[in-house]
Amino acid sequence: IGLSDSMADVSLNLTKLTADMASLYNIDQDVVSQDLAAIFTGQTRPLRDYGLDLTQATLKEWAMKQGIDANITSMSQAQKTMLRYAYVMSNTTAAQNDFARTSGRMCAA
């Protein structure tokens, strides 16, 4: 997952992540989907409940740790969106695939 993902990959990954986070946190997918829209809007509040901090300071620090030289203030909106996307995907690995892991158990019950 990275800044080179196509928009089709981004869409598919965020759809999967929506189901996974809804499963992990036991909330409606609609709520998670609306919260994940912060990746596109740049709002910081919606993802705080999931332990994700989309502030510029956090994104800059994360980017530097990934070897990305990011001057966020001079980035285009598309670049900022892809940076937020990469950060969210990198910091939600505990949730990823939760839907698949738990839906098998629910069917067997």
C-alpha atoms as a PDB file:
ATOM      1  CA  ILE A   1       0.000   0.000   0.000  1.00  0.00           C
ATOM      2  CA  GLY A   2       1.484   3.268  -0.940  1.00  0.00           C
ATOM      3  CA  LEU A   3       1.286   6.534  -2.725  1.00  0.00           C
ATOM      4  CA  SER A   4       1.341   4.730  -6.081  1.00  0.00           C
ATOM      5  CA  ASP A   5      -1.972   2.902  -5.579  1.00  0.00           C
ATOM      6  CA  SER A   6      -4.464   3.591  -8.366  1.00  0.00           C
ATOM      7  CA  MET A   7      -7.809   5.121  -7.492  1.00  0.00           C
ATOM      8  CA  ALA A   8      -9.401   1.726  -8.167  1.00  0.00           C
ATOM      9  CA  ASP A   9      -7.037   0.185  -5.583  1.00  0.00           C
ATOM     10  CA  VAL A  10      -7.793   2.978  -3.136  1.00  0.00           C
ATOM     11  CA  SER A  11     -11.535   2.474  -3.552  1.00  0.00           C
ATOM     12  CA  LEU A  12     -11.308  -1.293  -3.146  1.00  0.00           C
ATOM     13  CA  ASN A  13      -8.970  -1.056  -0.150  1.00  0.00           C
ATOM     14  CA  LEU A  14     -11.173   1.494   1.602  1.00  0.00           C
ATOM     15  CA  THR A  15     -14.266  -0.627   0.967  1.00  0.00           C
ATOM     16  CA  LYS A  16     -12.525  -3.614   2.548  1.00  0.00           C
ATOM     17  CA  LEU A  17     -11.237  -1.463   5.403  1.00  0.00           C
ATOM     18  CA  THR A  18     -14.751  -0.161   6.049  1.00  0.00           C
ATOM     19  CA  ALA A  19     -16.042  -3.709   6.517  1.00  0.00           C
ATOM     20  CA  ASP A  20     -13.021  -4.679   8.628  1.00  0.00           C
ATOM     21  CA  MET A  21     -13.236  -1.664  10.948  1.00  0.00           C
ATOM     22  CA  ALA A  22     -17.005  -2.057  11.305  1.00  0.00           C
ATOM     23  CA  SER A  23     -16.443  -5.683  12.255  1.00  0.00           C
ATOM     24  CA  LEU A  24     -13.614  -4.936  14.686  1.00  0.00           C
ATOM     25  CA  TYR A  25     -15.349  -2.022  16.409  1.00  0.00           C
ATOM     26  CA  ASN A  26     -18.834  -3.566  16.108  1.00  0.00           C
ATOM     27  CA  ILE A  27     -20.391  -0.515  14.456  1.00  0.00           C
ATOM     28  CA  ASP A  28     -22.327   0.074  11.239  1.00  0.00           C
ATOM     29  CA  GLN A  29     -20.374   0.185   8.009  1.00  0.00           C
ATOM     30  CA  ASP A  30     -22.134   3.449   7.126  1.00  0.00           C
ATOM     31  CA  VAL A  31     -20.598   5.119  10.181  1.00  0.00           C
ATOM     32  CA  VAL A  32     -17.109   3.851   9.369  1.00  0.00           C
ATOM     33  CA  SER A  33     -17.487   4.861   5.735  1.00  0.00           C
ATOM     34  CA  GLN A  34     -18.439   8.399   6.738  1.00  0.00           C
ATOM     35  CA  ASP A  35     -15.500   8.534   9.156  1.00  0.00           C
ATOM     36  CA  LEU A  36     -13.048   7.284   6.531  1.00  0.00           C
ATOM     37  CA  ALA A  37     -14.182  10.109   4.259  1.00  0.00           C
ATOM     38  CA  ALA A  38     -11.809  12.204   6.387  1.00  0.00           C
ATOM     39  CA  ILE A  39      -9.042  10.811   4.194  1.00  0.00           C
ATOM     40  CA  PHE A  40     -10.495  12.897   1.373  1.00  0.00           C
ATOM     41  CA  THR A  41     -11.647  15.917   3.360  1.00  0.00           C
ATOM     42  CA  GLY A  42      -8.661  16.269   5.671  1.00  0.00           C
ATOM     43  CA  GLN A  43     -10.845  16.495   8.774  1.00  0.00           C
ATOM     44  CA  THR A  44      -9.019  15.242  11.849  1.00  0.00           C
ATOM     45  CA  ARG A  45     -11.903  14.510  14.235  1.00  0.00           C
ATOM     46  CA  PRO A  46     -13.719  11.577  12.568  1.00  0.00           C
ATOM     47  CA  LEU A  47     -10.829   9.120  12.815  1.00  0.00           C
ATOM     48  CA  ARG A  48      -9.670   9.979  16.335  1.00  0.00           C
ATOM     49  CA  ASP A  49     -12.062   7.411  17.808  1.00  0.00           C
ATOM     50  CA  TYR A  50     -10.048   4.757  15.963  1.00  0.00           C
ATOM     51  CA  GLY A  51      -6.706   6.053  17.239  1.00  0.00           C
ATOM     52  CA  LEU A  52      -5.826   7.747  13.945  1.00  0.00           C
ATOM     53  CA  ASP A  53      -4.433  11.271  13.989  1.00  0.00           C
ATOM     54  CA  LEU A  54      -4.620  13.072  10.647  1.00  0.00           C
ATOM     55  CA  THR A  55      -3.043  16.308  11.837  1.00  0.00           C
ATOM     56  CA  GLN A  56      -0.316  17.728   9.618  1.00  0.00           C
ATOM     57  CA  ALA A  57       2.293  17.250  12.349  1.00  0.00           C
ATOM     58  CA  THR A  58       1.518  13.549  12.703  1.00  0.00           C
ATOM     59  CA  LEU A  59       1.358  13.022   8.953  1.00  0.00           C
ATOM     60  CA  LYS A  60       4.694  14.773   8.459  1.00  0.00           C
ATOM     61  CA  GLU A  61       6.334  12.674  11.194  1.00  0.00           C
ATOM     62  CA  TRP A  62       4.867   9.461   9.762  1.00  0.00           C
ATOM     63  CA  ALA A  63       5.952  10.377   6.230  1.00  0.00           C
ATOM     64  CA  MET A  64       9.517  11.031   7.384  1.00  0.00           C
ATOM     65  CA  LYS A  65       9.612   7.615   9.096  1.00  0.00           C
ATOM     66  CA  GLN A  66       8.512   6.079   5.780  1.00  0.00           C
ATOM     67  CA  GLY A  67      11.289   7.865   3.917  1.00  0.00           C
ATOM     68  CA  ILE A  68       8.893  10.313   2.311  1.00  0.00           C
ATOM     69  CA  ASP A  69      10.204  13.857   2.263  1.00  0.00           C
ATOM     70  CA  ALA A  70       6.917  15.636   2.744  1.00  0.00           C
ATOM     71  CA  ASN A  71       6.384  19.355   2.946  1.00  0.00           C
ATOM     72  CA  ILE A  72       2.675  18.962   3.527  1.00  0.00           C
ATOM     73  CA  THR A  73       1.852  22.640   3.211  1.00  0.00           C
ATOM     74  CA  SER A  74       3.149  22.701  -0.373  1.00  0.00           C
ATOM     75  CA  MET A  75       1.487  19.416  -1.411  1.00  0.00           C
ATOM     76  CA  SER A  76      -1.453  19.357  -3.801  1.00  0.00           C
ATOM     77  CA  GLN A  77      -4.803  18.183  -2.447  1.00  0.00           C
ATOM     78  CA  ALA A  78      -4.352  14.880  -4.309  1.00  0.00           C
ATOM     79  CA  GLN A  79      -0.936  14.341  -2.718  1.00  0.00           C
ATOM     80  CA  LYS A  80      -2.312  15.114   0.742  1.00  0.00           C
ATOM     81  CA  THR A  81      -5.188  12.688   0.161  1.00  0.00           C
ATOM     82  CA  MET A  82      -2.825   9.897  -0.868  1.00  0.00           C
ATOM     83  CA  LEU A  83      -0.597  10.612   2.142  1.00  0.00           C
ATOM     84  CA  ARG A  84      -3.601  10.409   4.484  1.00  0.00           C
ATOM     85  CA  TYR A  85      -4.704   7.201   2.740  1.00  0.00           C
ATOM     86  CA  ALA A  86      -1.268   5.591   3.103  1.00  0.00           C
ATOM     87  CA  TYR A  87      -1.117   6.639   6.778  1.00  0.00           C
ATOM     88  CA  VAL A  88      -4.581   5.199   7.508  1.00  0.00           C
ATOM     89  CA  MET A  89      -3.847   1.925   5.732  1.00  0.00           C
ATOM     90  CA  SER A  90      -0.511   1.605   7.528  1.00  0.00           C
ATOM     91  CA  ASN A  91      -2.052   2.282  10.925  1.00  0.00           C
ATOM     92  CA  THR A  92      -5.084  -0.002  10.647  1.00  0.00           C
ATOM     93  CA  THR A  93      -3.322  -3.327  10.164  1.00  0.00           C
ATOM     94  CA  ALA A  94      -4.943  -4.714  13.337  1.00  0.00           C
ATOM     95  CA  ALA A  95      -8.371  -4.157  11.782  1.00  0.00           C
ATOM     96  CA  GLN A  96      -7.517  -5.353   8.294  1.00  0.00           C
ATOM     97  CA  ASN A  97      -9.065  -8.729   7.450  1.00  0.00           C
ATOM     98  CA  ASP A  98     -11.143  -8.740  10.656  1.00  0.00           C
ATOM     99  CA  PHE A  99     -14.360  -9.144   8.696  1.00  0.00           C
ATOM    100  CA  ALA A 100     -13.081 -12.308   6.993  1.00  0.00           C
ATOM    101  CA  ARG A 101     -11.650 -13.685  10.255  1.00  0.00           C
ATOM    102  CA  THR A 102     -14.841 -13.190  12.242  1.00  0.00           C
ATOM    103  CA  SER A 103     -17.525 -13.878   9.651  1.00  0.00           C
ATOM    104  CA  GLY A 104     -16.450 -17.533   9.469  1.00  0.00           C
ATOM    105  CA  ARG A 105     -16.991 -17.859  13.208  1.00  0.00           C
ATOM    106  CA  MET A 106     -20.389 -16.230  12.981  1.00  0.00           C
ATOM    107  CA  CYS A 107     -21.534 -18.681  10.290  1.00  0.00           C
ATOM    108  CA  ALA A 108     -20.314 -21.676  12.280  1.00  0.00           C
ATOM    109  CA  ALA A 109     -22.166 -20.622  15.424  1.00  0.00           C
END
